Amino acid sequence: SLKFREVSAGGCNACEADSNVLTTIGWDLGRFG
């Protein structure tokens, strides 16, 4: 079980978007806790 608080420290939202993709059904990051 590993939980993160994400901080966008002046980013353009590209890294944030690709991180968020992992939470979708295709990747399902939650299956790894």
ModelCIF file with pLDDT and N, C-alpha, C, O atoms, coordinates in Angstrom:
data_MODEL
#
_entry.id   MODEL 
#
_entity.id                         1 
_entity.type                       polymer 
_entity.pdbx_number_of_molecules   1 
#
_entity_poly.entity_id                      1 
_entity_poly.type                           'polypeptide(L)' 
_entity_poly.nstd_linkage                   no 
_entity_poly.nstd_monomer                   no 
_entity_poly.pdbx_seq_one_letter_code       SLKFREVSAGGCNACEADSNVLTTIGWDLGRFG 
_entity_poly.pdbx_seq_one_letter_code_can   SLKFREVSAGGCNACEADSNVLTTIGWDLGRFG 
_entity_poly.pdbx_strand_id                 A 
#
loop_
_entity_poly_seq.entity_id 
_entity_poly_seq.num 
_entity_poly_seq.mon_id 
_entity_poly_seq.hetero 
1 1  SER n 
1 2  LEU n 
1 3  LYS n 
1 4  PHE n 
1 5  ARG n 
1 6  GLU n 
1 7  VAL n 
1 8  SER n 
1 9  ALA n 
1 10 GLY n 
1 11 GLY n 
1 12 CYS n 
1 13 ASN n 
1 14 ALA n 
1 15 CYS n 
1 16 GLU n 
1 17 ALA n 
1 18 ASP n 
1 19 SER n 
1 20 ASN n 
1 21 VAL n 
1 22 LEU n 
1 23 THR n 
1 24 THR n 
1 25 ILE n 
1 26 GLY n 
1 27 TRP n 
1 28 ASP n 
1 29 LEU n 
1 30 GLY n 
1 31 ARG n 
1 32 PHE n 
1 33 GLY n 
#
_struct_asym.id          A 
_struct_asym.entity_id   1 
#
loop_
_ma_qa_metric.id 
_ma_qa_metric.mode 
_ma_qa_metric.name 
_ma_qa_metric.software_group_id 
_ma_qa_metric.type 
1 global pLDDT . pLDDT 
2 local  pLDDT . pLDDT 
#
_ma_qa_metric_global.metric_id      1 
_ma_qa_metric_global.metric_value   95.18 
_ma_qa_metric_global.model_id       1 
_ma_qa_metric_global.ordinal_id     1 
#
loop_
_ma_qa_metric_local.label_asym_id 
_ma_qa_metric_local.label_comp_id 
_ma_qa_metric_local.label_seq_id 
_ma_qa_metric_local.metric_id 
_ma_qa_metric_local.metric_value 
_ma_qa_metric_local.model_id 
_ma_qa_metric_local.ordinal_id 
A SER 1  2 95.00 1 1  
A LEU 2  2 97.00 1 2  
A LYS 3  2 98.00 1 3  
A PHE 4  2 98.00 1 4  
A ARG 5  2 98.00 1 5  
A GLU 6  2 97.00 1 6  
A VAL 7  2 98.00 1 7  
A SER 8  2 97.00 1 8  
A ALA 9  2 96.00 1 9  
A GLY 10 2 94.00 1 10 
A GLY 11 2 91.00 1 11 
A CYS 12 2 94.00 1 12 
A ASN 13 2 94.00 1 13 
A ALA 14 2 96.00 1 14 
A CYS 15 2 97.00 1 15 
A GLU 16 2 96.00 1 16 
A ALA 17 2 96.00 1 17 
A ASP 18 2 95.00 1 18 
A SER 19 2 96.00 1 19 
A ASN 20 2 95.00 1 20 
A VAL 21 2 95.00 1 21 
A LEU 22 2 96.00 1 22 
A THR 23 2 95.00 1 23 
A THR 24 2 93.00 1 24 
A ILE 25 2 90.00 1 25 
A GLY 26 2 90.00 1 26 
A TRP 27 2 94.00 1 27 
A ASP 28 2 94.00 1 28 
A LEU 29 2 95.00 1 29 
A GLY 30 2 95.00 1 30 
A ARG 31 2 94.00 1 31 
A PHE 32 2 96.00 1 32 
A GLY 33 2 96.00 1 33 
#
loop_
_atom_site.group_PDB 
_atom_site.id 
_atom_site.type_symbol 
_atom_site.label_atom_id 
_atom_site.label_alt_id 
_atom_site.label_comp_id 
_atom_site.label_asym_id 
_atom_site.label_entity_id 
_atom_site.label_seq_id 
_atom_site.pdbx_PDB_ins_code 
_atom_site.Cartn_x 
_atom_site.Cartn_y 
_atom_site.Cartn_z 
_atom_site.occupancy 
_atom_site.B_iso_or_equiv 
_atom_site.pdbx_formal_charge 
_atom_site.auth_seq_id 
_atom_site.auth_comp_id 
_atom_site.auth_asym_id 
_atom_site.auth_atom_id 
_atom_site.pdbx_PDB_model_num 
ATOM 1   N N  . SER A 1 1  ? 0.851  -1.187 0.000   1.00 95.00 ? 1  SER A N  1 
ATOM 2   C CA . SER A 1 1  ? 0.000  0.000  0.000   1.00 95.00 ? 1  SER A CA 1 
ATOM 3   C C  . SER A 1 1  ? 0.885  1.234  0.000   1.00 95.00 ? 1  SER A C  1 
ATOM 4   O O  . SER A 1 1  ? 1.648  1.464  0.938   1.00 95.00 ? 1  SER A O  1 
ATOM 5   N N  . LEU A 1 2  ? 0.776  2.027  -1.061  1.00 97.00 ? 2  LEU A N  1 
ATOM 6   C CA . LEU A 1 2  ? 1.620  3.205  -1.215  1.00 97.00 ? 2  LEU A CA 1 
ATOM 7   C C  . LEU A 1 2  ? 0.763  4.354  -1.739  1.00 97.00 ? 2  LEU A C  1 
ATOM 8   O O  . LEU A 1 2  ? 0.229  4.285  -2.846  1.00 97.00 ? 2  LEU A O  1 
ATOM 9   N N  . LYS A 1 3  ? 0.637  5.404  -0.941  1.00 98.00 ? 3  LYS A N  1 
ATOM 10  C CA . LYS A 1 3  ? -0.217 6.532  -1.297  1.00 98.00 ? 3  LYS A CA 1 
ATOM 11  C C  . LYS A 1 3  ? 0.631  7.790  -1.485  1.00 98.00 ? 3  LYS A C  1 
ATOM 12  O O  . LYS A 1 3  ? 1.522  8.076  -0.684  1.00 98.00 ? 3  LYS A O  1 
ATOM 13  N N  . PHE A 1 4  ? 0.343  8.535  -2.552  1.00 98.00 ? 4  PHE A N  1 
ATOM 14  C CA . PHE A 1 4  ? 1.096  9.751  -2.860  1.00 98.00 ? 4  PHE A CA 1 
ATOM 15  C C  . PHE A 1 4  ? 0.192  10.978 -2.866  1.00 98.00 ? 4  PHE A C  1 
ATOM 16  O O  . PHE A 1 4  ? -0.962 10.923 -3.291  1.00 98.00 ? 4  PHE A O  1 
ATOM 17  N N  . ARG A 1 5  ? 0.746  12.085 -2.382  1.00 98.00 ? 5  ARG A N  1 
ATOM 18  C CA . ARG A 1 5  ? 0.134  13.395 -2.583  1.00 98.00 ? 5  ARG A CA 1 
ATOM 19  C C  . ARG A 1 5  ? 0.918  14.061 -3.689  1.00 98.00 ? 5  ARG A C  1 
ATOM 20  O O  . ARG A 1 5  ? 2.115  14.307 -3.545  1.00 98.00 ? 5  ARG A O  1 
ATOM 21  N N  . GLU A 1 6  ? 0.253  14.355 -4.793  1.00 97.00 ? 6  GLU A N  1 
ATOM 22  C CA . GLU A 1 6  ? 0.916  14.952 -5.945  1.00 97.00 ? 6  GLU A CA 1 
ATOM 23  C C  . GLU A 1 6  ? 0.953  16.471 -5.805  1.00 97.00 ? 6  GLU A C  1 
ATOM 24  O O  . GLU A 1 6  ? -0.039 17.093 -5.424  1.00 97.00 ? 6  GLU A O  1 
ATOM 25  N N  . VAL A 1 7  ? 2.108  17.062 -6.118  1.00 98.00 ? 7  VAL A N  1 
ATOM 26  C CA . VAL A 1 7  ? 2.265  18.519 -6.119  1.00 98.00 ? 7  VAL A CA 1 
ATOM 27  C C  . VAL A 1 7  ? 2.770  18.938 -7.487  1.00 98.00 ? 7  VAL A C  1 
ATOM 28  O O  . VAL A 1 7  ? 3.867  18.554 -7.894  1.00 98.00 ? 7  VAL A O  1 
ATOM 29  N N  . SER A 1 8  ? 1.976  19.722 -8.196  1.00 97.00 ? 8  SER A N  1 
ATOM 30  C CA . SER A 1 8  ? 2.399  20.280 -9.474  1.00 97.00 ? 8  SER A CA 1 
ATOM 31  C C  . SER A 1 8  ? 3.085  21.605 -9.183  1.00 97.00 ? 8  SER A C  1 
ATOM 32  O O  . SER A 1 8  ? 2.431  22.630 -8.993  1.00 97.00 ? 8  SER A O  1 
ATOM 33  N N  . ALA A 1 9  ? 4.412  21.569 -9.150  1.00 96.00 ? 9  ALA A N  1 
ATOM 34  C CA . ALA A 1 9  ? 5.188  22.732 -8.715  1.00 96.00 ? 9  ALA A CA 1 
ATOM 35  C C  . ALA A 1 9  ? 5.606  23.596 -9.902  1.00 96.00 ? 9  ALA A C  1 
ATOM 36  O O  . ALA A 1 9  ? 6.792  23.830 -10.132 1.00 96.00 ? 9  ALA A O  1 
ATOM 37  N N  . GLY A 1 10 ? 4.609  24.065 -10.646 1.00 94.00 ? 10 GLY A N  1 
ATOM 38  C CA . GLY A 1 10 ? 4.883  24.920 -11.788 1.00 94.00 ? 10 GLY A CA 1 
ATOM 39  C C  . GLY A 1 10 ? 4.969  24.171 -13.097 1.00 94.00 ? 10 GLY A C  1 
ATOM 40  O O  . GLY A 1 10 ? 5.526  24.694 -14.062 1.00 94.00 ? 10 GLY A O  1 
ATOM 41  N N  . GLY A 1 11 ? 4.434  22.958 -13.165 1.00 91.00 ? 11 GLY A N  1 
ATOM 42  C CA . GLY A 1 11 ? 4.519  22.143 -14.366 1.00 91.00 ? 11 GLY A CA 1 
ATOM 43  C C  . GLY A 1 11 ? 3.538  22.557 -15.450 1.00 91.00 ? 11 GLY A C  1 
ATOM 44  O O  . GLY A 1 11 ? 2.651  23.381 -15.222 1.00 91.00 ? 11 GLY A O  1 
ATOM 45  N N  . CYS A 1 12 ? 3.708  21.972 -16.639 1.00 94.00 ? 12 CYS A N  1 
ATOM 46  C CA . CYS A 1 12 ? 2.857  22.293 -17.793 1.00 94.00 ? 12 CYS A CA 1 
ATOM 47  C C  . CYS A 1 12 ? 1.649  21.372 -17.893 1.00 94.00 ? 12 CYS A C  1 
ATOM 48  O O  . CYS A 1 12 ? 0.809  21.545 -18.775 1.00 94.00 ? 12 CYS A O  1 
ATOM 49  N N  . ASN A 1 13 ? 1.557  20.393 -16.997 1.00 94.00 ? 13 ASN A N  1 
ATOM 50  C CA . ASN A 1 13 ? 0.471  19.416 -16.920 1.00 94.00 ? 13 ASN A CA 1 
ATOM 51  C C  . ASN A 1 13 ? 0.709  18.168 -17.771 1.00 94.00 ? 13 ASN A C  1 
ATOM 52  O O  . ASN A 1 13 ? -0.147 17.285 -17.803 1.00 94.00 ? 13 ASN A O  1 
ATOM 53  N N  . ALA A 1 14 ? 1.841  18.072 -18.455 1.00 96.00 ? 14 ALA A N  1 
ATOM 54  C CA . ALA A 1 14 ? 2.125  16.868 -19.240 1.00 96.00 ? 14 ALA A CA 1 
ATOM 55  C C  . ALA A 1 14 ? 2.472  15.696 -18.326 1.00 96.00 ? 14 ALA A C  1 
ATOM 56  O O  . ALA A 1 14 ? 1.917  14.608 -18.479 1.00 96.00 ? 14 ALA A O  1 
ATOM 57  N N  . CYS A 1 15 ? 3.384  15.907 -17.375 1.00 97.00 ? 15 CYS A N  1 
ATOM 58  C CA . CYS A 1 15 ? 3.735  14.834 -16.435 1.00 97.00 ? 15 CYS A CA 1 
ATOM 59  C C  . CYS A 1 15 ? 2.542  14.462 -15.567 1.00 97.00 ? 15 CYS A C  1 
ATOM 60  O O  . CYS A 1 15 ? 2.343  13.293 -15.238 1.00 97.00 ? 15 CYS A O  1 
ATOM 61  N N  . GLU A 1 16 ? 1.755  15.459 -15.201 1.00 96.00 ? 16 GLU A N  1 
ATOM 62  C CA . GLU A 1 16 ? 0.564  15.195 -14.411 1.00 96.00 ? 16 GLU A CA 1 
ATOM 63  C C  . GLU A 1 16 ? -0.426 14.329 -15.189 1.00 96.00 ? 16 GLU A C  1 
ATOM 64  O O  . GLU A 1 16 ? -1.043 13.425 -14.624 1.00 96.00 ? 16 GLU A O  1 
ATOM 65  N N  . ALA A 1 17 ? -0.577 14.605 -16.480 1.00 96.00 ? 17 ALA A N  1 
ATOM 66  C CA . ALA A 1 17 ? -1.511 13.848 -17.306 1.00 96.00 ? 17 ALA A CA 1 
ATOM 67  C C  . ALA A 1 17 ? -1.075 12.396 -17.460 1.00 96.00 ? 17 ALA A C  1 
ATOM 68  O O  . ALA A 1 17 ? -1.896 11.484 -17.366 1.00 96.00 ? 17 ALA A O  1 
ATOM 69  N N  . ASP A 1 18 ? 0.228  12.181 -17.699 1.00 95.00 ? 18 ASP A N  1 
ATOM 70  C CA . ASP A 1 18 ? 0.692  10.804 -17.875 1.00 95.00 ? 18 ASP A CA 1 
ATOM 71  C C  . ASP A 1 18 ? 0.730  10.041 -16.562 1.00 95.00 ? 18 ASP A C  1 
ATOM 72  O O  . ASP A 1 18 ? 0.642  8.813  -16.563 1.00 95.00 ? 18 ASP A O  1 
ATOM 73  N N  . SER A 1 19 ? 0.858  10.734 -15.457 1.00 96.00 ? 19 SER A N  1 
ATOM 74  C CA . SER A 1 19 ? 0.727  10.072 -14.155 1.00 96.00 ? 19 SER A CA 1 
ATOM 75  C C  . SER A 1 19 ? -0.723 9.665  -13.934 1.00 96.00 ? 19 SER A C  1 
ATOM 76  O O  . SER A 1 19 ? -1.000 8.574  -13.435 1.00 96.00 ? 19 SER A O  1 
ATOM 77  N N  . ASN A 1 20 ? -1.639 10.540 -14.307 1.00 95.00 ? 20 ASN A N  1 
ATOM 78  C CA . ASN A 1 20 ? -3.063 10.270 -14.118 1.00 95.00 ? 20 ASN A CA 1 
ATOM 79  C C  . ASN A 1 20 ? -3.553 9.118  -14.987 1.00 95.00 ? 20 ASN A C  1 
ATOM 80  O O  . ASN A 1 20 ? -4.490 8.410  -14.619 1.00 95.00 ? 20 ASN A O  1 
ATOM 81  N N  . VAL A 1 21 ? -2.909 8.931  -16.155 1.00 95.00 ? 21 VAL A N  1 
ATOM 82  C CA . VAL A 1 21 ? -3.285 7.826  -17.043 1.00 95.00 ? 21 VAL A CA 1 
ATOM 83  C C  . VAL A 1 21 ? -3.190 6.491  -16.313 1.00 95.00 ? 21 VAL A C  1 
ATOM 84  O O  . VAL A 1 21 ? -3.965 5.576  -16.592 1.00 95.00 ? 21 VAL A O  1 
ATOM 85  N N  . LEU A 1 22 ? -2.258 6.374  -15.393 1.00 96.00 ? 22 LEU A N  1 
ATOM 86  C CA . LEU A 1 22 ? -2.060 5.113  -14.677 1.00 96.00 ? 22 LEU A CA 1 
ATOM 87  C C  . LEU A 1 22 ? -3.254 4.741  -13.808 1.00 96.00 ? 22 LEU A C  1 
ATOM 88  O O  . LEU A 1 22 ? -3.406 3.580  -13.431 1.00 96.00 ? 22 LEU A O  1 
ATOM 89  N N  . THR A 1 23 ? -4.096 5.705  -13.490 1.00 95.00 ? 23 THR A N  1 
ATOM 90  C CA . THR A 1 23 ? -5.258 5.409  -12.653 1.00 95.00 ? 23 THR A CA 1 
ATOM 91  C C  . THR A 1 23 ? -6.466 4.959  -13.475 1.00 95.00 ? 23 THR A C  1 
ATOM 92  O O  . THR A 1 23 ? -7.507 4.625  -12.910 1.00 95.00 ? 23 THR A O  1 
ATOM 93  N N  . THR A 1 24 ? -6.335 4.948  -14.812 1.00 93.00 ? 24 THR A N  1 
ATOM 94  C CA . THR A 1 24 ? -7.448 4.537  -15.659 1.00 93.00 ? 24 THR A CA 1 
ATOM 95  C C  . THR A 1 24 ? -7.544 3.017  -15.717 1.00 93.00 ? 24 THR A C  1 
ATOM 96  O O  . THR A 1 24 ? -6.655 2.315  -15.235 1.00 93.00 ? 24 THR A O  1 
ATOM 97  N N  . ILE A 1 25 ? -8.616 2.513  -16.302 1.00 90.00 ? 25 ILE A N  1 
ATOM 98  C CA . ILE A 1 25 ? -8.888 1.083  -16.298 1.00 90.00 ? 25 ILE A CA 1 
ATOM 99  C C  . ILE A 1 25 ? -7.839 0.295  -17.076 1.00 90.00 ? 25 ILE A C  1 
ATOM 100 O O  . ILE A 1 25 ? -7.601 -0.878 -16.788 1.00 90.00 ? 25 ILE A O  1 
ATOM 101 N N  . GLY A 1 26 ? -7.207 0.945  -18.072 1.00 90.00 ? 26 GLY A N  1 
ATOM 102 C CA . GLY A 1 26 ? -6.221 0.229  -18.874 1.00 90.00 ? 26 GLY A CA 1 
ATOM 103 C C  . GLY A 1 26 ? -4.964 -0.124 -18.097 1.00 90.00 ? 26 GLY A C  1 
ATOM 104 O O  . GLY A 1 26 ? -4.361 -1.171 -18.329 1.00 90.00 ? 26 GLY A O  1 
ATOM 105 N N  . TRP A 1 27 ? -4.568 0.744  -17.177 1.00 94.00 ? 27 TRP A N  1 
ATOM 106 C CA . TRP A 1 27 ? -3.359 0.514  -16.390 1.00 94.00 ? 27 TRP A CA 1 
ATOM 107 C C  . TRP A 1 27 ? -3.693 0.027  -14.984 1.00 94.00 ? 27 TRP A C  1 
ATOM 108 O O  . TRP A 1 27 ? -3.022 -0.862 -14.462 1.00 94.00 ? 27 TRP A O  1 
ATOM 109 N N  . ASP A 1 28 ? -4.719 0.600  -14.372 1.00 94.00 ? 28 ASP A N  1 
ATOM 110 C CA . ASP A 1 28 ? -5.213 0.194  -13.050 1.00 94.00 ? 28 ASP A CA 1 
ATOM 111 C C  . ASP A 1 28 ? -4.101 0.148  -12.009 1.00 94.00 ? 28 ASP A C  1 
ATOM 112 O O  . ASP A 1 28 ? -3.751 -0.912 -11.490 1.00 94.00 ? 28 ASP A O  1 
ATOM 113 N N  . LEU A 1 29 ? -3.555 1.328  -11.719 1.00 95.00 ? 29 LEU A N  1 
ATOM 114 C CA . LEU A 1 29 ? -2.477 1.434  -10.732 1.00 95.00 ? 29 LEU A CA 1 
ATOM 115 C C  . LEU A 1 29 ? -2.900 0.911  -9.363  1.00 95.00 ? 29 LEU A C  1 
ATOM 116 O O  . LEU A 1 29 ? -2.064 0.439  -8.592  1.00 95.00 ? 29 LEU A O  1 
ATOM 117 N N  . GLY A 1 30 ? -4.193 0.993  -9.060  1.00 95.00 ? 30 GLY A N  1 
ATOM 118 C CA . GLY A 1 30 ? -4.690 0.569  -7.761  1.00 95.00 ? 30 GLY A CA 1 
ATOM 119 C C  . GLY A 1 30 ? -4.518 -0.912 -7.482  1.00 95.00 ? 30 GLY A C  1 
ATOM 120 O O  . GLY A 1 30 ? -4.551 -1.327 -6.324  1.00 95.00 ? 30 GLY A O  1 
ATOM 121 N N  . ARG A 1 31 ? -4.331 -1.730 -8.538  1.00 94.00 ? 31 ARG A N  1 
ATOM 122 C CA . ARG A 1 31 ? -4.157 -3.177 -8.308  1.00 94.00 ? 31 ARG A CA 1 
ATOM 123 C C  . ARG A 1 31 ? -2.840 -3.481 -7.610  1.00 94.00 ? 31 ARG A C  1 
ATOM 124 O O  . ARG A 1 31 ? -2.646 -4.584 -7.099  1.00 94.00 ? 31 ARG A O  1 
ATOM 125 N N  . PHE A 1 32 ? -1.932 -2.503 -7.587  1.00 96.00 ? 32 PHE A N  1 
ATOM 126 C CA . PHE A 1 32 ? -0.661 -2.668 -6.884  1.00 96.00 ? 32 PHE A CA 1 
ATOM 127 C C  . PHE A 1 32 ? -0.686 -1.968 -5.525  1.00 96.00 ? 32 PHE A C  1 
ATOM 128 O O  . PHE A 1 32 ? 0.334  -1.886 -4.841  1.00 96.00 ? 32 PHE A O  1 
ATOM 129 N N  . GLY A 1 33 ? -1.844 -1.472 -5.148  1.00 96.00 ? 33 GLY A N  1 
ATOM 130 C CA . GLY A 1 33 ? -1.955 -0.766 -3.883  1.00 96.00 ? 33 GLY A CA 1 
ATOM 131 C C  . GLY A 1 33 ? -1.416 0.651  -3.929  1.00 96.00 ? 33 GLY A C  1 
ATOM 132 O O  . GLY A 1 33 ? -1.450 1.357  -2.921  1.00 96.00 ? 33 GLY A O  1 
#
